[in-house]
N, C-alpha and C. Protein backbone atom coordinates (compact mmCIF):
# COMPACT_ATOMS: atom_id res chain seq x y z
N MET A 1 127.67 -94.22 -86.76
CA MET A 1 127.40 -93.87 -87.19
C MET A 1 125.78 -94.96 -86.56
N ASN A 2 126.18 -95.83 -85.15
CA ASN A 2 124.88 -96.98 -85.06
C ASN A 2 124.62 -95.50 -84.60
N THR A 3 125.08 -94.70 -83.73
CA THR A 3 124.31 -94.11 -83.23
C THR A 3 122.98 -93.31 -83.70
N GLN A 4 122.97 -92.83 -84.62
CA GLN A 4 123.45 -91.49 -85.27
C GLN A 4 122.26 -91.93 -85.85
N PHE A 5 122.00 -93.22 -86.61
CA PHE A 5 121.23 -93.67 -86.93
C PHE A 5 119.78 -94.12 -85.69
N SER A 6 120.31 -94.37 -84.47
CA SER A 6 120.01 -95.34 -83.44
C SER A 6 119.23 -93.62 -83.30
N ALA A 7 119.41 -92.07 -82.90
CA ALA A 7 118.49 -91.08 -83.06
C ALA A 7 118.59 -90.80 -84.19
N MET A 8 118.45 -91.07 -85.31
CA MET A 8 117.03 -90.21 -86.16
C MET A 8 115.86 -90.98 -85.73
N ARG A 9 115.68 -92.18 -85.73
CA ARG A 9 115.03 -93.19 -85.60
C ARG A 9 114.55 -92.64 -84.53
N ASP A 10 115.07 -91.86 -83.82
CA ASP A 10 113.60 -91.18 -82.17
C ASP A 10 113.62 -90.18 -82.24
N THR A 11 113.95 -89.49 -83.55
CA THR A 11 113.39 -88.68 -83.68
C THR A 11 112.15 -88.95 -84.81
N VAL A 12 112.32 -89.47 -85.29
CA VAL A 12 110.89 -89.87 -86.39
C VAL A 12 109.28 -90.05 -85.78
N ILE A 13 108.81 -89.99 -86.16
CA ILE A 13 107.15 -89.88 -85.67
C ILE A 13 106.57 -90.94 -86.68
N SER A 14 106.16 -91.37 -85.21
CA SER A 14 105.32 -93.14 -86.75
C SER A 14 104.87 -93.24 -87.30
N VAL A 15 104.29 -94.14 -88.26
CA VAL A 15 102.89 -94.46 -89.09
C VAL A 15 101.38 -94.07 -87.57
N GLY A 16 101.96 -94.52 -86.87
CA GLY A 16 101.06 -95.05 -85.66
C GLY A 16 100.05 -93.55 -84.86
N GLU A 17 101.64 -92.61 -84.57
CA GLU A 17 101.33 -91.62 -84.25
C GLU A 17 100.33 -90.10 -84.80
N ILE A 18 100.96 -90.56 -85.68
CA ILE A 18 100.10 -89.48 -86.96
C ILE A 18 98.90 -90.11 -87.47
N GLY A 19 98.80 -91.21 -87.45
CA GLY A 19 97.42 -91.58 -87.83
C GLY A 19 96.61 -91.24 -86.70
N THR A 20 96.46 -91.54 -85.10
CA THR A 20 96.84 -91.57 -83.57
C THR A 20 96.04 -89.17 -83.38
N THR A 21 97.14 -88.68 -83.64
CA THR A 21 97.49 -87.36 -84.09
C THR A 21 95.37 -86.86 -85.35
N LEU A 22 96.28 -87.46 -86.25
CA LEU A 22 95.21 -86.66 -87.52
C LEU A 22 93.36 -87.31 -86.86
N ARG A 23 93.37 -88.90 -85.79
CA ARG A 23 92.58 -88.84 -85.76
C ARG A 23 91.05 -87.84 -84.66
N ARG A 24 92.53 -87.49 -84.05
CA ARG A 24 91.99 -86.76 -82.81
C ARG A 24 91.31 -85.50 -83.65
N HIS A 25 92.24 -84.38 -84.34
CA HIS A 25 92.49 -83.68 -85.12
C HIS A 25 90.98 -83.79 -86.27
N SER A 26 91.16 -84.58 -86.88
CA SER A 26 89.76 -85.35 -88.11
C SER A 26 88.25 -85.29 -87.10
N GLU A 27 88.73 -85.24 -85.70
CA GLU A 27 87.37 -85.46 -85.05
C GLU A 27 86.63 -84.37 -85.04
N THR A 28 87.92 -83.58 -83.96
CA THR A 28 86.88 -82.13 -83.85
C THR A 28 87.48 -80.86 -84.59
N ALA A 29 87.65 -81.35 -85.93
CA ALA A 29 87.11 -80.70 -86.97
C ALA A 29 85.97 -81.67 -87.96
N ILE A 30 85.95 -82.48 -87.59
CA ILE A 30 84.23 -83.11 -88.24
C ILE A 30 82.87 -82.57 -87.47
N ARG A 31 83.23 -82.41 -86.23
CA ARG A 31 82.15 -82.08 -84.94
C ARG A 31 82.37 -79.80 -85.06
N PHE A 32 83.62 -79.32 -85.80
CA PHE A 32 83.30 -77.78 -86.34
C PHE A 32 82.11 -77.81 -87.77
N ALA A 33 82.56 -78.80 -87.64
CA ALA A 33 81.97 -78.90 -89.31
C ALA A 33 80.77 -79.37 -89.37
N MET A 34 79.80 -80.21 -88.97
CA MET A 34 79.10 -80.95 -89.03
C MET A 34 77.83 -78.53 -87.91
N VAL A 35 78.79 -78.33 -87.01
CA VAL A 35 78.07 -77.80 -86.61
C VAL A 35 77.87 -76.54 -87.99
N VAL A 36 78.82 -76.04 -87.88
CA VAL A 36 78.36 -74.56 -89.29
C VAL A 36 77.39 -75.85 -90.35
N VAL A 37 77.41 -76.61 -90.93
CA VAL A 37 76.15 -76.92 -91.91
C VAL A 37 75.07 -77.10 -91.23
N LEU A 38 74.82 -77.57 -90.16
CA LEU A 38 73.76 -77.52 -88.74
C LEU A 38 72.97 -76.28 -88.80
N LEU A 39 73.66 -75.39 -88.32
CA LEU A 39 73.75 -73.60 -87.68
C LEU A 39 72.78 -73.74 -89.24
N TRP A 40 74.30 -73.23 -90.15
CA TRP A 40 73.84 -73.23 -92.13
C TRP A 40 72.21 -73.49 -92.40
N PHE A 41 71.74 -74.21 -92.24
CA PHE A 41 70.29 -74.76 -92.84
C PHE A 41 69.34 -74.71 -91.78
N GLY A 42 70.08 -74.74 -90.76
CA GLY A 42 68.99 -73.75 -89.27
C GLY A 42 68.44 -72.68 -89.61
N ALA A 43 69.02 -72.21 -90.06
CA ALA A 43 69.40 -70.28 -90.30
C ALA A 43 68.13 -70.40 -90.77
N LEU A 44 68.91 -71.36 -92.46
CA LEU A 44 67.62 -71.07 -93.72
C LEU A 44 66.55 -71.61 -93.81
N LYS A 45 66.33 -71.91 -92.93
CA LYS A 45 64.67 -72.80 -92.95
C LYS A 45 63.46 -71.11 -91.83
N PHE A 46 64.19 -69.93 -91.68
CA PHE A 46 63.66 -69.27 -90.92
C PHE A 46 63.39 -68.48 -92.63
N SER A 47 63.32 -68.62 -93.58
CA SER A 47 63.98 -67.51 -95.06
C SER A 47 61.87 -68.83 -95.84
N ALA A 48 61.76 -67.44 -96.60
CA ALA A 48 60.25 -67.98 -97.38
C ALA A 48 60.69 -69.10 -98.58
N TYR A 49 62.29 -69.02 -98.62
CA TYR A 49 63.12 -69.27 -99.59
C TYR A 49 63.37 -70.60 -99.65
N GLU A 50 63.59 -71.32 -98.60
CA GLU A 50 63.87 -72.74 -97.67
C GLU A 50 62.99 -73.26 -97.19
N ALA A 51 61.26 -72.47 -97.43
CA ALA A 51 60.33 -72.45 -96.60
C ALA A 51 59.74 -73.67 -96.79
N ASN A 52 59.68 -73.46 -98.39
CA ASN A 52 58.71 -72.89 -99.67
C ASN A 52 60.15 -73.97 -100.47
N ALA A 53 61.27 -74.22 -99.90
CA ALA A 53 61.74 -75.45 -100.93
C ALA A 53 61.39 -76.58 -100.64
N ILE A 54 61.69 -76.08 -99.34
CA ILE A 54 61.16 -78.51 -98.65
C ILE A 54 60.12 -78.76 -98.46
N ALA A 55 59.57 -77.45 -98.63
CA ALA A 55 57.87 -78.14 -99.10
C ALA A 55 57.49 -78.48 -99.92
N GLY A 56 58.57 -79.47 -101.73
CA GLY A 56 57.85 -79.87 -101.57
C GLY A 56 58.46 -81.48 -101.81
N LEU A 57 59.37 -81.88 -100.68
CA LEU A 57 60.26 -82.72 -100.12
C LEU A 57 59.15 -83.04 -99.22
N VAL A 58 58.38 -82.34 -97.78
CA VAL A 58 58.10 -82.43 -96.77
C VAL A 58 56.80 -82.83 -97.21
N THR A 59 55.74 -82.63 -98.28
CA THR A 59 54.36 -82.75 -98.17
C THR A 59 54.20 -84.35 -99.06
N ASN A 60 55.79 -85.03 -99.42
CA ASN A 60 54.89 -86.06 -99.77
C ASN A 60 55.78 -87.55 -99.14
N SER A 61 56.31 -86.97 -98.40
CA SER A 61 56.16 -88.12 -97.08
C SER A 61 54.98 -88.51 -95.83
N PRO A 62 55.33 -89.68 -96.20
CA PRO A 62 53.92 -90.43 -94.53
C PRO A 62 54.57 -89.07 -93.62
N LEU A 63 56.00 -89.72 -93.14
CA LEU A 63 56.64 -88.88 -91.62
C LEU A 63 55.62 -88.16 -91.30
N LEU A 64 55.36 -86.44 -92.76
CA LEU A 64 55.70 -85.70 -91.84
C LEU A 64 54.71 -84.96 -93.12
N ALA A 65 54.18 -85.79 -93.52
CA ALA A 65 53.07 -84.52 -94.44
C ALA A 65 52.11 -83.91 -94.20
N TRP A 66 51.40 -85.11 -92.41
CA TRP A 66 50.91 -84.10 -91.74
C TRP A 66 50.75 -83.53 -91.45
N LEU A 67 52.27 -83.55 -90.14
CA LEU A 67 52.48 -82.26 -88.73
C LEU A 67 52.54 -80.37 -90.58
N HIS A 68 53.50 -80.70 -91.59
CA HIS A 68 53.38 -80.15 -92.06
C HIS A 68 52.28 -79.01 -92.78
N GLU A 69 51.24 -80.09 -92.73
CA GLU A 69 49.72 -79.94 -93.06
C GLU A 69 49.68 -78.68 -92.24
N ALA A 70 49.54 -79.54 -90.83
CA ALA A 70 48.22 -78.57 -89.20
C ALA A 70 49.27 -77.70 -88.42
N LEU A 71 50.99 -76.64 -89.60
CA LEU A 71 51.62 -76.25 -89.10
C LEU A 71 51.36 -74.79 -89.96
N GLY A 72 51.62 -75.33 -91.47
CA GLY A 72 51.72 -74.81 -92.08
C GLY A 72 53.07 -74.70 -93.35
N VAL A 73 54.04 -73.89 -94.02
CA VAL A 73 54.73 -73.86 -94.38
C VAL A 73 56.07 -73.01 -93.75
N ARG A 74 55.60 -71.93 -93.40
CA ARG A 74 57.23 -71.59 -92.69
C ARG A 74 55.81 -72.12 -90.81
N ALA A 75 55.14 -72.23 -90.53
CA ALA A 75 55.82 -72.91 -89.28
C ALA A 75 56.73 -74.46 -88.24
N PHE A 76 56.49 -75.21 -90.10
CA PHE A 76 57.14 -75.76 -90.05
C PHE A 76 58.72 -75.60 -90.39
N SER A 77 58.60 -74.91 -90.56
CA SER A 77 60.12 -74.99 -90.90
C SER A 77 61.10 -74.25 -91.12
N ASN A 78 60.43 -73.01 -89.49
CA ASN A 78 60.62 -72.59 -88.42
C ASN A 78 61.08 -74.13 -87.43
N ALA A 79 60.33 -75.06 -87.40
CA ALA A 79 60.16 -75.58 -86.15
C ALA A 79 61.48 -76.43 -87.05
N VAL A 80 62.00 -77.02 -88.55
CA VAL A 80 63.06 -77.81 -88.50
C VAL A 80 64.42 -77.13 -88.33
N GLY A 81 64.53 -75.29 -87.98
CA GLY A 81 65.20 -75.47 -88.53
C GLY A 81 65.78 -74.61 -86.51
N ILE A 82 64.64 -74.37 -85.81
CA ILE A 82 64.56 -74.70 -84.94
C ILE A 82 65.18 -76.58 -83.97
N THR A 83 65.00 -77.16 -84.32
CA THR A 83 65.64 -78.99 -83.70
C THR A 83 67.07 -78.62 -85.13
N GLU A 84 67.59 -78.44 -85.91
CA GLU A 84 69.44 -78.85 -86.04
C GLU A 84 69.59 -77.59 -86.02
N ILE A 85 69.72 -76.52 -85.56
CA ILE A 85 70.55 -75.04 -84.81
C ILE A 85 70.43 -75.70 -83.01
N THR A 86 69.81 -76.34 -82.65
CA THR A 86 69.59 -77.56 -81.33
C THR A 86 70.77 -78.21 -81.73
N ALA A 87 70.62 -79.42 -82.00
CA ALA A 87 71.72 -80.60 -83.01
C ALA A 87 72.76 -79.43 -82.87
N ALA A 88 72.60 -78.73 -83.08
CA ALA A 88 74.41 -77.65 -84.44
C ALA A 88 75.13 -77.54 -82.26
N VAL A 89 74.43 -76.79 -82.09
CA VAL A 89 75.08 -76.49 -80.35
C VAL A 89 74.67 -77.45 -80.23
N LEU A 90 74.45 -78.31 -78.98
CA LEU A 90 75.19 -79.61 -78.74
C LEU A 90 75.71 -80.06 -79.05
N ILE A 91 75.39 -80.85 -80.22
CA ILE A 91 76.60 -81.54 -80.89
C ILE A 91 78.16 -79.53 -81.19
N ALA A 92 77.70 -79.10 -80.32
CA ALA A 92 79.28 -78.12 -80.01
C ALA A 92 79.64 -78.49 -78.90
N ALA A 93 78.27 -78.57 -77.62
CA ALA A 93 78.73 -78.50 -76.39
C ALA A 93 80.30 -80.11 -75.56
N HIS A 94 79.28 -80.86 -76.69
CA HIS A 94 80.59 -81.86 -77.01
C HIS A 94 81.92 -81.50 -76.34
N PRO A 95 82.81 -80.72 -76.56
CA PRO A 95 83.75 -80.41 -75.31
C PRO A 95 83.66 -80.42 -73.85
N PHE A 96 82.79 -80.09 -73.30
CA PHE A 96 82.11 -79.17 -72.36
C PHE A 96 80.88 -80.07 -71.40
N SER A 97 80.42 -81.38 -72.31
CA SER A 97 80.03 -82.58 -71.63
C SER A 97 79.60 -83.51 -72.89
N ALA A 98 80.22 -83.94 -72.77
CA ALA A 98 79.71 -85.75 -73.61
C ALA A 98 77.93 -85.63 -73.75
N ARG A 99 77.83 -85.47 -72.58
CA ARG A 99 76.14 -86.22 -73.77
C ARG A 99 75.85 -85.30 -73.43
N LEU A 100 75.50 -83.51 -73.75
CA LEU A 100 75.06 -82.92 -74.74
C LEU A 100 75.87 -83.33 -76.26
N GLY A 101 76.93 -84.24 -75.98
CA GLY A 101 77.20 -83.89 -77.37
C GLY A 101 76.50 -85.49 -78.62
N ALA A 102 76.15 -85.93 -77.13
CA ALA A 102 75.40 -87.60 -77.07
C ALA A 102 73.86 -87.42 -77.99
N LEU A 103 73.80 -85.73 -77.16
CA LEU A 103 72.35 -85.72 -77.66
C LEU A 103 71.80 -84.85 -78.91
N GLY A 104 72.69 -84.18 -79.22
CA GLY A 104 72.68 -83.49 -80.04
C GLY A 104 73.11 -84.71 -81.39
N GLY A 105 73.81 -85.09 -80.96
CA GLY A 105 73.76 -86.86 -82.46
C GLY A 105 72.54 -87.35 -82.82
N VAL A 106 72.34 -87.70 -81.64
CA VAL A 106 70.71 -88.25 -81.72
C VAL A 106 69.91 -87.60 -82.61
N ILE A 107 69.34 -86.00 -82.36
CA ILE A 107 69.33 -85.83 -82.76
C ILE A 107 69.67 -85.00 -84.33
N ALA A 108 70.84 -85.12 -84.61
CA ALA A 108 71.68 -84.74 -86.36
C ALA A 108 70.93 -86.41 -86.39
N SER A 109 71.44 -87.52 -86.69
CA SER A 109 70.75 -88.24 -87.08
C SER A 109 70.21 -88.28 -88.01
N ALA A 110 68.88 -88.16 -86.29
CA ALA A 110 67.54 -88.74 -87.35
C ALA A 110 66.60 -87.96 -88.10
N THR A 111 67.23 -86.19 -87.35
CA THR A 111 67.09 -85.01 -88.85
C THR A 111 68.28 -86.74 -89.97
N PHE A 112 68.98 -85.96 -89.99
CA PHE A 112 68.90 -87.23 -91.77
C PHE A 112 68.40 -88.02 -92.02
N PHE A 113 68.71 -89.27 -91.46
CA PHE A 113 67.57 -90.15 -91.68
C PHE A 113 66.16 -90.04 -92.19
N VAL A 114 65.79 -89.08 -91.34
CA VAL A 114 64.22 -88.89 -91.79
C VAL A 114 63.86 -87.38 -93.21
N THR A 115 65.52 -87.11 -93.77
CA THR A 115 65.22 -86.96 -94.96
C THR A 115 66.00 -87.51 -96.11
N LEU A 116 66.75 -88.73 -95.44
CA LEU A 116 67.32 -89.09 -96.54
C LEU A 116 65.73 -90.08 -96.74
N SER A 117 64.18 -90.18 -96.31
CA SER A 117 64.37 -91.10 -96.85
C SER A 117 62.71 -90.94 -98.19
N PHE A 118 63.24 -88.78 -97.76
CA PHE A 118 62.34 -87.86 -99.12
C PHE A 118 62.88 -88.99 -99.89
N MET A 119 64.27 -90.75 -100.57
CA MET A 119 64.56 -90.79 -101.12
C MET A 119 63.13 -92.15 -101.90
N PHE A 120 63.37 -92.05 -101.43
CA PHE A 120 62.33 -93.38 -101.43
C PHE A 120 60.70 -91.95 -101.27
N THR A 121 59.92 -91.93 -101.31
CA THR A 121 59.09 -91.04 -101.15
C THR A 121 58.75 -89.37 -102.40
N THR A 122 59.55 -88.72 -102.67
CA THR A 122 59.64 -87.00 -103.41
C THR A 122 59.56 -87.95 -105.28
N PRO A 123 58.60 -87.98 -105.51
CA PRO A 123 58.73 -87.89 -107.47
C PRO A 123 60.08 -87.01 -108.11
N GLY A 124 60.33 -87.96 -108.59
CA GLY A 124 62.01 -87.10 -109.85
C GLY A 124 62.65 -87.57 -108.77
N VAL A 125 63.89 -88.51 -108.56
CA VAL A 125 64.47 -88.95 -107.66
C VAL A 125 64.58 -89.78 -108.32
N ALA A 126 64.94 -90.48 -109.21
CA ALA A 126 65.48 -91.28 -110.18
C ALA A 126 65.07 -90.63 -111.46
N GLU A 127 65.69 -91.22 -112.13
CA GLU A 127 65.91 -90.38 -113.25
C GLU A 127 65.14 -90.90 -115.19
N ALA A 128 64.75 -90.02 -114.84
CA ALA A 128 63.76 -91.72 -115.79
C ALA A 128 64.41 -91.98 -117.56
N GLY A 129 64.51 -90.44 -117.95
CA GLY A 129 65.02 -90.01 -119.54
C GLY A 129 66.47 -90.84 -119.04
N ALA A 130 67.17 -91.42 -118.34
CA ALA A 130 68.26 -92.45 -118.22
C ALA A 130 67.95 -94.02 -118.53
N GLY A 131 66.37 -94.21 -117.69
CA GLY A 131 66.32 -94.78 -117.91
C GLY A 131 66.04 -95.69 -116.41
N GLY A 132 66.22 -94.23 -115.10
CA GLY A 132 65.34 -95.19 -113.89
C GLY A 132 66.80 -95.23 -112.70
N LEU A 133 67.42 -95.21 -111.55
CA LEU A 133 67.35 -95.98 -110.82
C LEU A 133 68.75 -96.84 -111.64
N PRO A 134 69.78 -97.00 -111.16
CA PRO A 134 70.62 -96.18 -109.87
C PRO A 134 70.66 -94.57 -110.31
N VAL A 135 69.78 -93.72 -112.02
CA VAL A 135 70.80 -93.29 -112.62
C VAL A 135 69.40 -91.72 -111.45
N ILE A 136 70.50 -91.20 -110.63
CA ILE A 136 68.89 -90.06 -110.04
C ILE A 136 69.29 -88.87 -110.47
N SER A 137 68.14 -87.75 -110.00
CA SER A 137 68.52 -86.18 -110.45
C SER A 137 68.84 -85.74 -110.11
N VAL A 138 69.93 -84.82 -110.24
CA VAL A 138 70.30 -83.49 -109.68
C VAL A 138 69.29 -82.95 -108.42
N LEU A 139 68.57 -82.74 -108.77
CA LEU A 139 66.97 -81.99 -107.43
C LEU A 139 66.74 -83.05 -108.15
N PRO A 140 65.49 -84.31 -107.15
CA PRO A 140 65.99 -84.42 -105.93
C PRO A 140 66.99 -84.82 -105.55
N GLY A 141 66.93 -86.12 -106.07
CA GLY A 141 68.27 -86.54 -105.75
C GLY A 141 69.83 -86.33 -105.13
N GLN A 142 70.09 -85.75 -106.49
CA GLN A 142 71.03 -85.68 -105.36
C GLN A 142 71.26 -84.87 -104.42
N PHE A 143 70.97 -84.02 -104.37
CA PHE A 143 70.34 -82.67 -103.78
C PHE A 143 69.91 -83.89 -102.02
N LEU A 144 69.10 -85.00 -101.26
CA LEU A 144 69.08 -85.84 -100.72
C LEU A 144 70.15 -86.99 -100.83
N LEU A 145 70.75 -87.16 -101.83
CA LEU A 145 71.78 -88.45 -101.74
C LEU A 145 73.37 -87.98 -100.42
N LYS A 146 73.10 -86.66 -100.53
CA LYS A 146 74.09 -85.76 -99.54
C LYS A 146 74.01 -86.11 -98.34
N ASP A 147 72.79 -86.62 -97.90
CA ASP A 147 72.24 -86.49 -96.74
C ASP A 147 72.78 -87.91 -95.85
N LEU A 148 72.99 -88.85 -96.73
CA LEU A 148 73.97 -90.35 -96.41
C LEU A 148 75.62 -89.82 -95.59
N VAL A 149 75.80 -88.92 -96.48
CA VAL A 149 76.72 -88.96 -95.84
C VAL A 149 76.82 -87.95 -94.40
N LEU A 150 76.20 -86.52 -94.32
CA LEU A 150 75.27 -86.49 -92.98
C LEU A 150 74.94 -87.70 -92.32
N LEU A 151 74.62 -88.41 -91.93
CA LEU A 151 73.76 -88.76 -91.55
C LEU A 151 75.16 -90.01 -91.14
N ALA A 152 76.48 -90.70 -91.45
CA ALA A 152 76.72 -90.88 -90.92
C ALA A 152 77.96 -90.10 -89.61
N VAL A 153 78.10 -88.99 -90.50
CA VAL A 153 79.21 -87.97 -89.56
C VAL A 153 78.34 -88.17 -88.43
N SER A 154 77.06 -87.81 -88.57
CA SER A 154 75.88 -87.61 -86.97
C SER A 154 76.03 -88.92 -86.42
N VAL A 155 75.86 -90.24 -86.68
CA VAL A 155 76.23 -91.16 -86.04
C VAL A 155 77.90 -91.58 -85.68
N ARG A 156 78.19 -91.06 -86.72
CA ARG A 156 80.36 -91.27 -85.61
C ARG A 156 80.13 -90.39 -84.36
N LEU A 157 79.05 -89.35 -84.91
CA LEU A 157 79.31 -87.93 -83.52
C LEU A 157 78.78 -88.10 -82.42
N LEU A 158 77.66 -89.01 -82.66
CA LEU A 158 77.56 -89.28 -81.89
C LEU A 158 78.43 -90.52 -80.98
N ALA A 159 78.83 -91.64 -81.22
CA ALA A 159 79.07 -93.01 -81.29
C ALA A 159 80.47 -92.07 -80.67
N ILE A 160 81.25 -90.60 -80.80
CA ILE A 160 82.52 -90.32 -79.36
C ILE A 160 81.95 -90.44 -78.40
N SER A 161 80.64 -89.18 -79.20
CA SER A 161 79.77 -88.62 -77.65
C SER A 161 79.74 -89.33 -76.65
N LEU A 162 79.37 -90.68 -77.02
CA LEU A 162 78.87 -91.61 -75.33
C LEU A 162 79.86 -92.35 -75.56
N GLN A 163 81.28 -92.48 -76.28
CA GLN A 163 82.70 -93.18 -75.61
C GLN A 163 82.85 -92.90 -74.29
N ASP A 164 82.98 -90.98 -74.85
CA ASP A 164 82.79 -89.56 -74.28
C ASP A 164 82.69 -89.78 -72.76
N CYS A 165 81.63 -90.61 -72.71
CA CYS A 165 80.86 -90.29 -71.22
C CYS A 165 80.83 -91.17 -70.42
N GLU A 166 80.88 -92.75 -70.91
CA GLU A 166 81.29 -93.22 -70.24
C GLU A 166 83.07 -93.12 -69.16
N PRO A 167 83.49 -93.34 -67.80
CA PRO A 167 84.08 -93.13 -67.30
C PRO A 167 85.96 -93.67 -67.35
N ASP A 168 87.18 -93.27 -67.06
CA ASP A 168 87.90 -93.03 -67.44
C ASP A 168 87.84 -94.71 -66.44
N ALA A 169 88.38 -96.81 -67.07
CA ALA A 169 88.17 -97.00 -66.49
C ALA A 169 90.20 -97.60 -65.64
């Protein structure tokens, strides 16, 4: 009986092993998901619909209003699209070059940091009819709030890439 228990114990995967496997696969899934999101968002920036949709956010931003004014609605949106697609390609390149993955993580992190700043510069984020903050509107409030998660994921991917740049000890 004792040998049966010992054999069964040896075939059971430990919780730690499950966690390690899940971490490895979830990092791949997170990277893939971020690449899809950035490619999709970036491609949409080349449409008139999206260019006009982000104009209201950007024109209220002290960081970007001047650039939006200088480039115009479509050229500004195209530049954002190129930035997002570039970040996606670089993040996707991580398995081949951790340094490229890190650069993509920096670009994505900066992008979502800037768009998250729109929470503080865009009129209508706080839902005045419900008493203001912490109640936020669906648009633009909740729409912008998702960038908090995307920023955190970008920073996590950056951290993974930076760790993978280190030579094995």
